[in-house]
């Protein structure tokens, strides 16, 4: 219900466009670029992390555990 224009499971990481907070793991924030779905299961987008951070203004934290 939060993403009416997206296929189930293909939400983009721009929760801010849907009035939702955006969180990103510090390990991803240290990468040069990221690739993600853009609303469908057939299309994806690659964007520089710096551009993503500027647009989405995510909260960066440690959310993943690497074994």
N, C-alpha and C. Protein backbone atom coordinates (compact mmCIF):
# COMPACT_ATOMS: atom_id res chain seq x y z
N UNK A 1 0.82 -1.21 0.00
CA UNK A 1 0.00 0.00 0.00
C UNK A 1 0.86 1.27 0.00
N UNK A 2 2.08 1.19 0.53
CA UNK A 2 2.95 2.37 0.61
C UNK A 2 3.54 2.75 -0.74
N UNK A 3 3.60 1.79 -1.67
CA UNK A 3 4.22 2.02 -2.97
C UNK A 3 3.24 1.65 -4.09
N UNK A 4 2.17 2.41 -4.27
CA UNK A 4 1.12 2.03 -5.22
C UNK A 4 1.57 1.97 -6.68
N UNK A 5 2.66 2.66 -7.02
CA UNK A 5 3.12 2.68 -8.41
C UNK A 5 4.25 1.69 -8.66
N UNK A 6 4.50 0.78 -7.71
CA UNK A 6 5.60 -0.18 -7.83
C UNK A 6 5.09 -1.62 -7.76
N UNK A 7 5.79 -2.51 -8.44
CA UNK A 7 5.48 -3.93 -8.34
C UNK A 7 5.89 -4.41 -6.94
N UNK A 8 5.17 -5.37 -6.39
CA UNK A 8 5.55 -5.91 -5.07
C UNK A 8 7.00 -6.38 -5.07
N UNK A 9 7.77 -5.93 -4.09
CA UNK A 9 9.16 -6.33 -3.98
C UNK A 9 10.13 -5.54 -4.84
N UNK A 10 9.66 -4.54 -5.57
CA UNK A 10 10.53 -3.78 -6.47
C UNK A 10 10.55 -2.29 -6.12
N UNK A 11 10.39 -1.99 -4.84
CA UNK A 11 10.37 -0.60 -4.42
C UNK A 11 11.75 0.02 -4.57
N UNK A 12 11.80 1.28 -5.02
CA UNK A 12 13.09 1.95 -5.11
C UNK A 12 13.54 2.38 -3.71
N UNK A 13 14.83 2.71 -3.55
CA UNK A 13 15.32 3.09 -2.22
C UNK A 13 15.01 4.53 -1.84
N UNK A 14 14.22 5.21 -2.64
CA UNK A 14 13.88 6.60 -2.35
C UNK A 14 12.58 6.68 -1.55
N UNK A 15 12.62 6.16 -0.33
CA UNK A 15 11.45 6.21 0.54
C UNK A 15 10.98 7.63 0.79
N UNK A 16 11.91 8.58 0.71
CA UNK A 16 11.55 9.97 0.93
C UNK A 16 10.48 10.45 -0.05
N UNK A 17 10.41 9.83 -1.24
CA UNK A 17 9.37 10.20 -2.21
C UNK A 17 8.00 9.72 -1.77
N UNK A 18 7.97 8.81 -0.80
CA UNK A 18 6.72 8.24 -0.29
C UNK A 18 6.51 8.63 1.18
N UNK A 19 7.18 9.68 1.61
CA UNK A 19 7.10 10.16 3.00
C UNK A 19 7.52 9.10 4.00
N UNK A 20 8.52 8.30 3.64
CA UNK A 20 9.07 7.27 4.53
C UNK A 20 10.54 7.59 4.82
N UNK A 21 11.01 7.26 6.01
CA UNK A 21 12.43 7.48 6.30
C UNK A 21 13.30 6.54 5.47
N UNK A 22 14.50 6.96 5.19
CA UNK A 22 15.45 6.16 4.42
C UNK A 22 16.65 5.84 5.30
N UNK A 23 16.99 4.55 5.37
CA UNK A 23 18.14 4.09 6.15
C UNK A 23 19.08 3.35 5.22
N UNK A 24 20.37 3.49 5.45
CA UNK A 24 21.36 2.79 4.64
C UNK A 24 22.50 2.32 5.55
N UNK A 25 22.98 1.13 5.28
CA UNK A 25 24.08 0.60 6.07
C UNK A 25 25.38 1.32 5.70
N UNK A 26 26.21 1.51 6.69
CA UNK A 26 27.49 2.20 6.50
C UNK A 26 28.33 1.53 5.40
N UNK A 27 28.28 0.21 5.30
CA UNK A 27 29.05 -0.50 4.27
C UNK A 27 28.61 -0.08 2.87
N UNK A 28 27.33 0.14 2.65
CA UNK A 28 26.83 0.60 1.35
C UNK A 28 27.22 2.06 1.14
N UNK A 29 27.17 2.84 2.20
CA UNK A 29 27.53 4.26 2.09
C UNK A 29 28.98 4.45 1.69
N UNK A 30 29.82 3.45 1.91
CA UNK A 30 31.23 3.54 1.55
C UNK A 30 31.51 3.11 0.11
N UNK A 31 30.47 2.64 -0.59
CA UNK A 31 30.65 2.20 -1.97
C UNK A 31 30.56 3.39 -2.92
N UNK A 32 31.18 3.24 -4.07
CA UNK A 32 31.16 4.30 -5.07
C UNK A 32 29.79 4.44 -5.73
N UNK A 33 29.12 3.30 -5.97
CA UNK A 33 27.82 3.32 -6.65
C UNK A 33 26.93 2.23 -6.10
N UNK A 34 25.65 2.31 -6.42
CA UNK A 34 24.70 1.28 -6.01
C UNK A 34 23.74 1.02 -7.16
N UNK A 35 23.21 -0.21 -7.20
CA UNK A 35 22.24 -0.62 -8.22
C UNK A 35 21.00 -1.09 -7.49
N UNK A 36 19.82 -0.68 -7.97
CA UNK A 36 18.58 -1.02 -7.30
C UNK A 36 17.42 -1.07 -8.28
N UNK A 37 16.35 -1.73 -7.89
CA UNK A 37 15.12 -1.79 -8.68
C UNK A 37 14.47 -0.41 -8.68
N UNK A 38 13.75 -0.11 -9.75
CA UNK A 38 13.10 1.20 -9.84
C UNK A 38 11.60 1.06 -10.08
N UNK A 39 10.99 0.15 -9.33
CA UNK A 39 9.54 0.02 -9.40
C UNK A 39 9.04 -1.18 -10.16
N UNK A 40 9.93 -1.83 -10.92
CA UNK A 40 9.53 -3.04 -11.66
C UNK A 40 10.61 -4.10 -11.43
N UNK A 41 10.31 -5.30 -11.86
CA UNK A 41 11.30 -6.37 -11.78
C UNK A 41 12.11 -6.48 -13.08
N UNK A 42 11.81 -5.63 -14.04
CA UNK A 42 12.52 -5.65 -15.31
C UNK A 42 13.54 -4.53 -15.45
N UNK A 43 13.46 -3.53 -14.59
CA UNK A 43 14.32 -2.36 -14.73
C UNK A 43 15.08 -2.09 -13.44
N UNK A 44 16.31 -1.66 -13.62
CA UNK A 44 17.12 -1.26 -12.47
C UNK A 44 17.89 -0.01 -12.84
N UNK A 45 18.53 0.57 -11.84
CA UNK A 45 19.24 1.83 -12.05
C UNK A 45 20.55 1.79 -11.26
N UNK A 46 21.59 2.33 -11.85
CA UNK A 46 22.86 2.46 -11.15
C UNK A 46 23.07 3.95 -10.89
N UNK A 47 23.42 4.28 -9.66
CA UNK A 47 23.62 5.68 -9.30
C UNK A 47 24.81 5.78 -8.36
N UNK A 48 25.54 6.87 -8.48
CA UNK A 48 26.65 7.12 -7.55
C UNK A 48 26.06 7.26 -6.15
N UNK A 49 26.72 6.66 -5.16
CA UNK A 49 26.20 6.77 -3.80
C UNK A 49 26.08 8.23 -3.37
N UNK A 50 27.03 9.06 -3.77
CA UNK A 50 26.98 10.48 -3.39
C UNK A 50 25.71 11.15 -3.91
N UNK A 51 25.26 10.77 -5.11
CA UNK A 51 24.01 11.34 -5.65
C UNK A 51 22.81 10.81 -4.87
N UNK A 52 22.82 9.50 -4.56
CA UNK A 52 21.74 8.94 -3.77
C UNK A 52 21.64 9.65 -2.42
N UNK A 53 22.77 9.83 -1.75
CA UNK A 53 22.78 10.48 -0.44
C UNK A 53 22.25 11.91 -0.53
N UNK A 54 22.62 12.61 -1.58
CA UNK A 54 22.16 13.99 -1.75
C UNK A 54 20.64 14.04 -1.97
N UNK A 55 20.11 13.08 -2.71
CA UNK A 55 18.68 13.08 -3.03
C UNK A 55 17.80 12.49 -1.93
N UNK A 56 18.24 11.39 -1.34
CA UNK A 56 17.41 10.68 -0.35
C UNK A 56 17.68 11.09 1.09
N UNK A 57 18.86 11.69 1.33
CA UNK A 57 19.24 12.10 2.69
C UNK A 57 19.01 10.98 3.71
N UNK A 58 19.64 9.81 3.49
CA UNK A 58 19.41 8.67 4.37
C UNK A 58 20.09 8.81 5.73
N UNK A 59 19.56 8.11 6.70
CA UNK A 59 20.22 7.94 7.98
C UNK A 59 21.19 6.78 7.81
N UNK A 60 22.47 7.01 8.06
CA UNK A 60 23.49 5.98 7.90
C UNK A 60 23.76 5.34 9.27
N UNK A 61 23.77 4.02 9.29
CA UNK A 61 24.03 3.29 10.53
C UNK A 61 24.60 1.93 10.22
N UNK A 62 24.75 1.13 11.25
CA UNK A 62 25.24 -0.23 11.07
C UNK A 62 24.07 -1.18 11.28
N UNK A 63 23.48 -1.63 10.17
CA UNK A 63 22.28 -2.46 10.20
C UNK A 63 22.53 -3.90 9.77
N UNK A 64 23.66 -4.14 9.08
CA UNK A 64 23.96 -5.47 8.56
C UNK A 64 25.06 -6.11 9.40
N UNK A 65 25.06 -7.43 9.42
CA UNK A 65 26.09 -8.18 10.12
C UNK A 65 26.82 -9.02 9.08
N UNK A 66 28.11 -8.81 8.96
CA UNK A 66 28.91 -9.58 8.02
C UNK A 66 29.63 -10.67 8.79
N UNK A 67 29.39 -11.91 8.42
CA UNK A 67 30.01 -13.04 9.12
C UNK A 67 31.38 -13.34 8.58
